[in-house]
Protein backbone atom coordinates (compact mmCIF):
# COMPACT_ATOMS: atom_id res chain seq x y z
CA MET A 1 43.87 14.35 -70.28
CA LEU A 2 47.06 14.56 -68.20
CA LEU A 3 45.30 16.73 -65.60
CA ILE A 4 42.40 14.24 -65.28
CA ALA A 5 44.82 11.33 -64.80
CA VAL A 6 46.68 13.15 -62.02
CA LEU A 7 43.45 13.96 -60.17
CA CYS A 8 42.19 10.36 -60.42
CA PHE A 9 45.49 9.02 -59.09
CA THR A 10 45.35 11.47 -56.19
CA GLN A 11 41.89 10.27 -55.14
CA LEU A 12 42.97 6.60 -55.32
CA SER A 13 45.97 7.27 -53.06
CA TYR A 14 43.78 9.12 -50.56
CA ALA A 15 41.29 6.22 -50.48
CA GLN A 16 44.12 3.69 -49.93
CA GLU A 17 45.35 5.64 -46.90
CA ILE A 18 41.85 5.55 -45.41
CA VAL A 19 41.60 1.78 -45.86
CA ASP A 20 45.05 1.34 -44.29
CA HIS A 21 44.04 3.38 -41.24
CA PRO A 22 41.03 1.85 -39.40
CA ARG A 23 40.41 4.96 -37.30
CA LEU A 24 39.77 7.10 -40.36
CA LEU A 25 37.72 4.34 -41.99
CA ALA A 26 35.46 4.27 -38.92
CA ASP A 27 35.13 8.05 -39.13
CA LEU A 28 34.06 7.97 -42.76
CA ASP A 29 31.50 5.30 -41.92
CA GLY A 30 29.91 7.83 -39.57
CA ASP A 31 30.62 5.73 -36.45
CA ASP A 32 30.64 7.86 -33.30
CA ASN A 33 31.97 4.98 -31.18
CA GLN A 34 35.55 6.06 -31.38
CA ILE A 35 38.38 5.25 -28.99
CA LEU A 36 37.52 7.26 -25.89
CA ASP A 37 40.61 7.00 -23.73
CA GLY A 38 42.74 9.41 -25.74
CA ALA A 39 44.82 6.68 -27.43
CA ASP A 40 44.68 6.25 -31.21
CA ALA A 41 44.26 2.83 -32.80
CA ASP A 42 47.38 1.08 -34.03
CA GLY A 43 47.47 1.21 -37.80
CA GLY A 44 49.77 0.15 -40.58
CA SER A 45 49.97 0.37 -44.35
CA SER A 46 48.96 -2.68 -46.40
CA SER A 47 51.54 -1.65 -48.98
CA GLY A 48 54.33 -2.87 -46.70
CA GLY A 49 55.27 0.50 -45.24
CA SER A 50 55.45 1.03 -41.46
CA ALA A 51 53.82 3.72 -39.37
CA SER A 52 53.86 4.79 -35.77
CA ALA A 53 50.69 4.17 -33.74
CA GLY A 54 47.88 6.47 -34.80
CA THR A 55 49.88 8.12 -37.65
CA PRO A 56 49.05 6.96 -41.21
CA THR A 57 51.84 7.04 -43.76
CA PRO A 58 50.71 8.57 -47.09
CA ASP A 59 51.45 6.56 -50.26
CA THR A 60 53.70 8.80 -52.33
CA SER A 61 54.40 6.32 -55.12
CA GLY A 62 53.82 7.71 -58.57
CA GLY A 63 54.31 11.30 -57.42
CA SER A 64 50.89 11.56 -55.75
CA ASP A 65 50.14 14.91 -54.15
CA ALA A 66 47.47 13.43 -51.79
CA PRO A 67 46.95 15.62 -48.71
CA SER A 68 48.64 14.57 -45.45
CA LEU A 69 46.16 13.13 -42.92
CA ARG A 70 48.49 13.34 -39.93
CA GLY A 71 46.75 14.51 -36.74
CA LYS A 72 43.31 15.00 -38.27
CA VAL A 73 39.98 13.79 -36.90
CA ASN A 74 36.44 13.62 -38.17
CA VAL A 75 34.07 15.82 -36.21
CA GLY A 76 31.07 15.91 -38.46
CA GLY A 77 29.34 12.71 -37.35
CA LYS A 78 26.83 11.06 -39.63
CA GLY A 79 26.06 13.04 -42.74
CA ASP A 80 29.00 15.47 -42.33
CA GLN A 81 32.50 14.22 -43.08
CA SER A 82 34.40 17.47 -42.53
CA ASP A 83 37.90 16.95 -41.12
CA TYR A 84 39.64 19.34 -38.74
CA ASP A 85 43.16 19.37 -37.39
CA ILE A 86 43.39 18.76 -33.61
CA ASP A 87 45.15 22.08 -33.16
CA ASP A 88 42.31 23.76 -35.01
CA LEU A 89 39.77 22.04 -32.73
CA LYS A 90 41.64 23.24 -29.66
CA ALA A 91 41.79 26.77 -30.97
CA ARG A 92 38.08 26.82 -31.74
CA TYR A 93 37.18 25.30 -28.34
CA GLU A 94 39.36 27.65 -26.32
CA LYS A 95 37.98 30.65 -28.19
CA GLY A 96 34.42 29.53 -27.37
CA ALA A 97 33.43 28.55 -30.91
CA LEU A 98 32.89 24.99 -29.64
CA LYS A 99 31.19 24.52 -26.26
CA VAL A 100 30.46 21.63 -23.91
CA GLU A 101 27.11 22.10 -22.19
CA ILE A 102 26.10 19.68 -19.41
CA ASP A 103 22.73 18.03 -20.12
CA SER A 104 22.47 15.72 -17.09
CA ILE A 105 24.43 13.87 -14.42
CA GLN A 106 23.82 10.41 -13.00
CA PRO A 107 23.53 9.86 -10.13
CA ARG A 108 22.47 13.28 -8.87
CA GLY A 109 24.04 12.81 -5.46
CA GLY A 110 26.15 10.63 -3.21
CA PRO A 111 27.05 10.07 0.45
CA THR A 112 29.37 12.40 2.29
CA TYR A 113 32.09 9.73 2.43
CA GLY A 114 32.52 10.08 -1.34
CA ASP A 115 33.59 7.37 -3.83
CA THR A 116 30.59 7.96 -6.10
CA ARG A 117 31.18 7.55 -9.84
CA VAL A 118 29.23 10.23 -11.70
CA THR A 119 28.40 10.07 -15.41
CA ILE A 120 28.08 13.44 -17.14
CA ARG A 121 26.17 13.78 -20.39
CA ALA A 122 27.10 16.90 -22.30
CA ALA A 123 26.60 18.13 -25.83
CA GLY A 124 29.77 18.43 -27.91
CA LEU A 125 31.95 15.89 -26.09
CA ALA A 126 32.33 13.52 -29.05
CA LEU A 127 34.15 16.20 -31.05
CA LEU A 128 36.88 16.79 -28.50
CA THR A 129 37.93 13.47 -26.98
CA ASP A 130 41.16 13.25 -29.00
CA ALA A 131 42.01 16.89 -28.48
CA TYR A 132 41.56 16.71 -24.68
CA PRO A 133 42.20 13.14 -23.46
CA ASP A 134 42.40 13.99 -19.73
CA PRO A 135 39.19 15.69 -18.51
CA LYS A 136 38.62 16.68 -14.87
CA CYS A 137 35.57 17.04 -12.62
CA LYS A 138 35.10 19.59 -9.83
CA PHE A 139 32.61 19.14 -7.00
CA GLY A 140 32.16 22.72 -5.86
CA SER A 141 35.57 23.96 -4.74
CA ASN A 142 39.08 23.62 -6.17
CA SER A 143 39.95 21.23 -3.33
CA ARG A 144 37.48 18.72 -4.78
CA ILE A 145 38.86 18.14 -8.27
CA VAL A 146 39.06 14.51 -9.45
CA ASP A 147 40.21 12.70 -12.59
CA ALA A 148 37.72 11.64 -15.24
CA ILE A 149 37.61 9.44 -18.32
CA TYR A 150 35.53 9.26 -21.47
CA ILE A 151 33.07 6.37 -21.70
CA LYS A 152 30.48 5.11 -24.14
CA CYS A 153 26.94 5.77 -22.97
CA THR A 154 23.33 6.13 -24.01
CA THR A 155 22.03 9.49 -25.16
CA LYS A 156 19.67 9.66 -22.16
CA PRO A 157 20.09 8.09 -18.72
CA SER A 158 18.61 4.59 -18.69
CA THR A 159 15.87 3.95 -16.19
CA PHE A 160 15.98 0.87 -13.99
CA TYR A 161 13.10 -0.63 -15.93
CA ALA A 162 14.77 -0.08 -19.29
CA LYS A 163 17.90 -1.85 -18.02
CA ASP A 164 15.87 -4.84 -16.85
CA ALA A 165 13.63 -4.96 -19.92
CA VAL A 166 14.02 -7.61 -22.57
CA ARG A 167 16.30 -6.38 -25.31
CA GLY A 168 14.00 -4.65 -27.73
CA ALA A 169 11.97 -1.48 -27.89
CA ASP A 170 13.13 -0.20 -24.49
CA LYS A 171 16.82 -0.69 -25.27
CA GLN A 172 18.92 2.40 -26.02
CA ASP A 173 21.99 2.23 -28.23
CA VAL A 174 25.28 2.88 -26.44
CA ASN A 175 26.73 5.16 -29.08
CA ASP A 176 27.16 8.49 -27.33
CA THR A 177 30.13 9.92 -25.43
CA CYS A 178 30.04 10.82 -21.74
CA VAL A 179 32.51 11.86 -19.06
CA GLN A 180 32.75 9.67 -15.97
CA CYS A 181 34.10 11.30 -12.82
CA GLU A 182 36.12 8.54 -11.18
CA ALA A 183 35.18 9.10 -7.51
CA SER A 184 33.55 12.01 -5.74
CA PRO A 185 35.74 13.42 -2.93
CA LYS A 186 34.57 13.10 0.67
CA THR A 187 33.17 15.99 2.66
CA ASP A 188 32.03 16.62 6.20
CA THR A 189 29.07 18.74 5.14
CA VAL A 190 25.65 17.83 3.79
CA GLU A 191 25.29 20.29 0.93
CA ILE A 192 24.45 20.86 -2.72
CA VAL A 193 27.44 21.88 -4.85
CA PRO A 194 27.88 22.77 -8.54
CA LEU A 195 29.46 19.91 -10.50
CA THR A 196 31.51 21.09 -13.46
CA VAL A 197 33.67 19.36 -16.04
CA SER A 198 36.81 20.71 -17.69
CA LEU A 199 38.41 19.21 -20.76
CA THR A 200 41.58 21.28 -20.37
CA GLY A 201 41.84 20.44 -16.67
CA LYS A 202 42.11 24.13 -15.75
CA PHE A 203 38.35 24.83 -15.49
CA ASP A 204 38.77 28.02 -17.48
CA ASP A 205 36.71 26.31 -20.17
CA SER A 206 33.70 25.39 -17.97
CA THR A 207 30.55 27.09 -19.22
CA SER A 208 27.87 25.11 -17.35
CA SER A 209 27.32 23.13 -14.16
CA HIS A 210 24.79 20.82 -12.58
CA PRO A 211 23.77 20.57 -8.90
CA TYR A 212 25.22 17.57 -7.05
CA ARG A 213 23.91 16.68 -3.58
CA TYR A 214 26.04 15.36 -0.73
CA TYR A 215 23.84 13.52 1.80
CA HIS A 216 24.12 11.46 4.98
CA PRO A 217 24.34 7.74 4.15
CA ALA A 218 20.94 6.02 4.39
CA GLN A 219 20.40 3.73 7.38
CA VAL A 220 17.91 0.86 7.75
CA SER A 221 16.71 -0.25 11.19
CA GLU A 222 13.66 -2.48 10.52
CA LEU A 223 11.43 -3.88 7.79
CA TYR A 224 8.03 -5.58 7.79
CA PRO A 225 7.31 -8.21 6.78
CA ARG A 226 10.76 -9.79 6.84
CA TYR A 227 9.70 -12.68 4.59
CA GLY A 228 7.67 -13.37 1.47
CA PRO A 229 7.10 -15.92 -1.32
CA LYS A 230 9.83 -16.44 -3.89
CA ASP A 231 7.53 -15.16 -6.66
CA GLY A 232 7.86 -11.70 -5.13
CA ASP A 233 5.27 -8.91 -4.95
CA THR A 234 5.39 -8.64 -1.14
CA VAL A 235 4.92 -5.01 -0.06
CA VAL A 236 7.72 -4.31 2.44
CA GLU A 237 7.73 -1.30 4.78
CA VAL A 238 11.19 -0.03 5.72
CA TRP A 239 12.11 2.15 8.71
CA GLY A 240 15.41 3.99 9.05
CA LYS A 241 17.03 7.41 8.61
CA HIS A 242 18.20 9.81 5.90
CA PHE A 243 15.89 8.61 3.12
CA ILE A 244 15.77 10.92 0.08
CA ASP A 245 13.67 10.40 -3.04
CA PHE A 246 16.00 10.48 -6.05
CA GLY A 247 13.39 9.05 -8.39
CA ASP A 248 14.40 5.89 -10.20
CA ASP A 249 17.77 5.79 -8.39
CA PHE A 250 15.96 5.29 -5.05
CA ARG A 251 16.17 1.49 -4.61
CA CYS A 252 15.46 -1.42 -2.29
CA ASN A 253 17.99 -4.22 -2.70
CA PHE A 254 17.05 -7.84 -1.94
CA GLY A 255 20.33 -9.66 -2.37
CA THR A 256 21.33 -9.15 -6.01
CA HIS A 257 17.84 -8.03 -7.08
CA SER A 258 16.43 -4.53 -6.80
CA SER A 259 13.09 -2.72 -6.92
CA LYS A 260 11.89 0.88 -6.86
CA ALA A 261 11.62 2.42 -3.39
CA ARG A 262 8.59 4.60 -2.61
CA PHE A 263 9.29 7.58 -0.38
CA ILE A 264 6.94 8.36 2.53
CA ASN A 265 9.22 10.48 4.71
CA ALA A 266 12.88 10.65 5.71
CA GLU A 267 12.40 7.69 8.07
CA LEU A 268 9.90 5.50 6.20
CA LEU A 269 9.58 4.01 2.72
CA TRP A 270 7.99 0.98 1.06
CA CYS A 271 8.85 -1.23 -1.88
CA ARG A 272 7.81 -4.51 -3.51
CA ALA A 273 10.04 -7.54 -3.15
CA PRO A 274 11.23 -8.81 -6.54
CA ALA A 275 11.13 -12.50 -7.41
CA SER A 276 13.97 -14.74 -6.26
CA THR A 277 15.25 -18.25 -6.94
CA VAL A 278 16.83 -18.53 -3.48
CA VAL A 279 14.72 -19.85 -0.57
CA GLY A 280 15.46 -21.07 2.93
CA ARG A 281 18.27 -18.66 3.76
CA PRO A 282 18.46 -14.93 4.51
CA MET A 283 19.08 -12.41 1.76
CA PRO A 284 20.88 -9.16 2.67
CA PHE A 285 18.56 -6.16 2.43
CA SER A 286 19.72 -2.59 1.83
CA VAL A 287 18.55 0.78 0.55
CA SER A 288 20.34 2.86 -2.07
CA LEU A 289 19.66 6.51 -2.82
CA ASN A 290 21.81 6.63 -5.95
CA ARG A 291 21.75 3.03 -7.27
CA GLN A 292 25.41 2.73 -6.37
CA GLN A 293 26.14 2.97 -2.64
CA ASN A 294 23.96 1.02 -0.21
CA SER A 295 23.03 1.15 3.46
CA LEU A 296 25.42 -0.94 5.56
CA GLN A 297 23.23 -2.20 8.43
CA LYS A 298 22.75 -5.97 8.75
CA VAL A 299 19.09 -6.44 7.84
CA GLU A 300 17.78 -9.61 6.18
CA PHE A 301 14.79 -10.72 4.10
CA TRP A 302 13.71 -14.35 3.72
CA TYR A 303 12.11 -15.96 0.67
CA TYR A 304 10.04 -19.15 0.89
CA ASN A 305 8.13 -21.54 -1.35
CA MET A 306 4.48 -20.52 -1.49
CA GLN A 307 1.95 -22.52 0.52
CA GLY A 308 -0.66 -24.73 -1.11
CA LEU A 309 -4.07 -25.33 0.51
CA THR A 310 -6.04 -28.37 -0.66
CA LYS A 311 -8.64 -29.24 2.02
CA VAL A 312 -10.59 -27.71 4.92
CA THR A 313 -12.31 -29.89 7.57
CA PRO A 314 -15.13 -29.39 8.40
CA ASP A 315 -16.30 -27.34 5.47
CA TYR A 316 -19.40 -25.93 7.19
CA ALA A 317 -20.25 -24.47 10.64
CA PRO A 318 -22.71 -22.12 12.40
CA MET A 319 -22.95 -18.42 11.71
CA GLN A 320 -21.62 -17.34 15.11
CA GLY A 321 -18.11 -18.59 14.34
CA GLY A 322 -15.67 -20.21 16.73
CA THR A 323 -15.56 -23.59 14.97
CA THR A 324 -12.04 -25.10 14.78
CA LEU A 325 -10.98 -25.93 11.23
CA THR A 326 -8.16 -28.22 10.13
CA LEU A 327 -6.30 -27.10 6.99
CA GLN A 328 -4.32 -29.49 4.81
CA GLY A 329 -1.77 -28.60 2.14
CA SER A 330 1.96 -28.05 1.62
CA ASN A 331 4.83 -25.73 2.65
CA PHE A 332 3.04 -24.60 5.81
CA TYR A 333 6.30 -24.61 7.79
CA PRO A 334 8.88 -22.58 5.82
CA PHE A 335 11.03 -21.53 8.79
CA ASP A 336 12.66 -22.99 11.85
CA TYR A 337 11.12 -20.78 14.54
CA LYS A 338 14.09 -21.28 16.88
CA LYS A 339 16.95 -20.94 14.39
CA ASP A 340 15.55 -18.69 11.66
CA VAL A 341 12.57 -16.40 12.19
CA ASP A 342 9.35 -16.64 14.18
CA ASN A 343 6.41 -15.83 11.90
CA SER A 344 3.73 -17.24 14.22
CA ASN A 345 2.21 -13.78 14.73
CA ASP A 346 1.87 -13.34 10.96
CA THR A 347 0.02 -16.62 10.24
CA PHE A 348 -3.71 -16.26 9.52
CA CYS A 349 -6.74 -17.84 7.91
CA SER A 350 -8.80 -15.59 5.68
CA PHE A 351 -12.53 -15.97 5.10
CA GLY A 352 -12.89 -13.48 2.27
CA PRO A 353 -15.01 -10.42 3.14
CA LEU A 354 -15.70 -11.77 6.62
CA GLY A 355 -12.16 -11.16 7.88
CA LYS A 356 -9.36 -13.34 9.23
CA SER A 357 -8.39 -15.27 12.34
CA PRO A 358 -5.01 -16.39 13.75
CA ALA A 359 -3.77 -19.77 12.53
CA LYS A 360 -1.46 -22.26 14.20
CA ILE A 361 0.96 -24.32 12.11
CA LEU A 362 1.04 -27.95 13.27
CA SER A 363 3.37 -29.34 10.60
CA SER A 364 4.43 -28.62 7.03
CA THR A 365 1.08 -30.03 5.84
CA ARG A 366 -1.40 -29.22 8.64
CA ALA A 367 -2.68 -26.09 10.36
CA GLU A 368 -5.62 -25.03 12.52
CA CYS A 369 -7.73 -21.90 12.87
CA GLN A 370 -11.19 -20.89 14.04
CA THR A 371 -14.01 -19.54 11.92
CA VAL A 372 -14.94 -15.88 12.25
CA PRO A 373 -18.55 -14.74 12.81
CA ASN A 374 -20.60 -14.32 9.67
CA HIS A 375 -21.80 -10.72 10.01
CA LEU A 376 -23.31 -10.88 6.52
CA LYS A 377 -25.77 -13.53 7.72
CA THR A 378 -25.71 -15.29 4.35
CA THR A 379 -25.34 -19.01 3.75
CA GLN A 380 -23.09 -18.68 0.67
CA ARG A 381 -19.71 -20.39 0.37
CA PHE A 382 -16.59 -18.39 1.22
CA PRO A 383 -13.02 -19.17 0.12
CA VAL A 384 -10.58 -20.12 2.88
CA LYS A 385 -6.98 -18.98 2.37
CA LEU A 386 -3.78 -19.17 4.42
CA THR A 387 -0.91 -16.71 4.85
CA VAL A 388 2.36 -17.02 6.77
CA ASN A 389 3.44 -13.37 6.36
CA ASN A 390 0.13 -11.55 6.99
CA GLN A 391 -0.03 -10.48 3.37
CA ASN A 392 0.46 -13.08 0.63
CA TYR A 393 -2.39 -15.62 0.76
CA THR A 394 -2.70 -19.00 -0.93
CA ASP A 395 -4.26 -18.88 -4.37
CA ASN A 396 -6.53 -21.92 -4.34
CA ASP A 397 -9.94 -22.85 -5.75
CA ASP A 398 -10.45 -26.05 -3.76
CA ALA A 399 -10.85 -24.87 -0.16
CA TYR A 400 -14.26 -23.37 0.64
CA PHE A 401 -16.31 -23.00 3.78
CA GLU A 402 -20.07 -22.66 4.16
CA TYR A 403 -22.00 -21.11 7.04
CA PHE A 404 -25.44 -22.24 8.15
CA ASN A 405 -28.03 -20.93 10.57
CA PRO A 406 -28.07 -23.06 13.73
CA PRO A 407 -31.38 -24.83 14.43
CA SER A 408 -33.85 -23.29 16.89
CA VAL A 409 -35.79 -25.70 19.20
CA LEU A 410 -39.25 -24.58 20.37
CA ASP A 411 -40.56 -27.72 21.98
CA ALA A 412 -39.96 -31.47 22.40
CA GLY A 413 -41.96 -34.46 23.67
CA PRO A 414 -42.21 -36.62 25.47
CA LEU A 415 -39.88 -35.07 28.01
CA ILE A 416 -39.39 -38.24 30.08
CA GLY A 417 -38.61 -41.90 29.36
CA PRO A 418 -37.15 -45.09 30.83
CA VAL A 419 -33.43 -45.32 31.68
CA ARG A 420 -32.98 -48.15 29.23
CA GLY A 421 -33.50 -45.66 26.38
CA GLY A 422 -35.26 -46.27 23.10
CA THR A 423 -37.91 -43.58 23.58
CA GLU A 424 -38.74 -41.64 20.43
CA VAL A 425 -38.77 -37.88 20.97
CA ASP A 426 -40.41 -35.36 18.65
CA ILE A 427 -38.79 -31.94 18.31
CA TRP A 428 -40.44 -28.78 17.02
CA GLY A 429 -38.49 -25.72 15.83
CA SER A 430 -36.82 -24.06 12.81
CA SER A 431 -33.68 -24.30 10.60
CA PHE A 432 -33.51 -28.10 10.86
């Protein structure tokens, strides 16, 4: 009976120490989101005793022989609550029993001027953050070693679309441990170098690496069109230099919004403009190869309120085309041609499958254009639409135009009559 009482008292004392020390309580809960900067949590005993930061004070009242928890960490994760001394962890790591293998880096490259923050995902990091609080990163040579920190991260790199998705099925939990290299060093050479991480800081423990690419900074010289409706979806072609396809990290930036860039060659790409709430003023445009550093050239994109087309006059004309139409609607004049941008060469009327013709904006509510020839030779109705950027047309169901065959005159009579008028003339022909 005495032996059973002693054992029960020992377990109660051990449990009290865990409750008094939040770090150990989190470990026993299986929480991997531990303090990642190398500093232990401040803890104190609820029994009134004091303790230094990160060092629990065992309750020795009643002669308990509970084991000392000083300097121990949980390394088992969920489902395994084995505790190891930090010195034991170091010994096992430095002997190769524990290894850190790089799974991925993000981004996979950066400009030659440096200053890129690189996140390294590697198996085994969560076990060793307390044992090695000051990791280092090396970009190729020993002259390119930089400081690093531990951060919380997702198990896999998040795609741009997952980051923008509504919180739900696409959301990843931020419960893993990564190393973040603070800033890549600059270099004068465009090259691919091995990126390694060292927990000891000496790089005698590095067992794996991942290729990191230094590249010339991307440059943008021109884009077309330079304007589009605020609802987005305008396909924009971009000309410049030093474009590289880094997958989802290859971005077009429209102000604070971004979209995936599509690589064509090193001097040409295209992307779709995202939606915007800002109209009537220029938005800075840039290209990023790594979703972090952007092109620096001053290039702008304008958003505008979409046009509305309500009426076309006349709504019928001959097959051969050339009839002047007057269009009525709203938002026809989104820019000041003298102060902002001149989009007159990108303003057109569309006649569905028959093609388009240049349009002239008369005011914010009126425009003119001429009908195109009806090469289909049908008398059906065709929708009339307006664009001010040669791409995004009005979406209306009210404005239609109908072609007709012009009449053909074969004969008429009488062919003469008095100057006072009033003579009835008969006309013979077709398509009257």
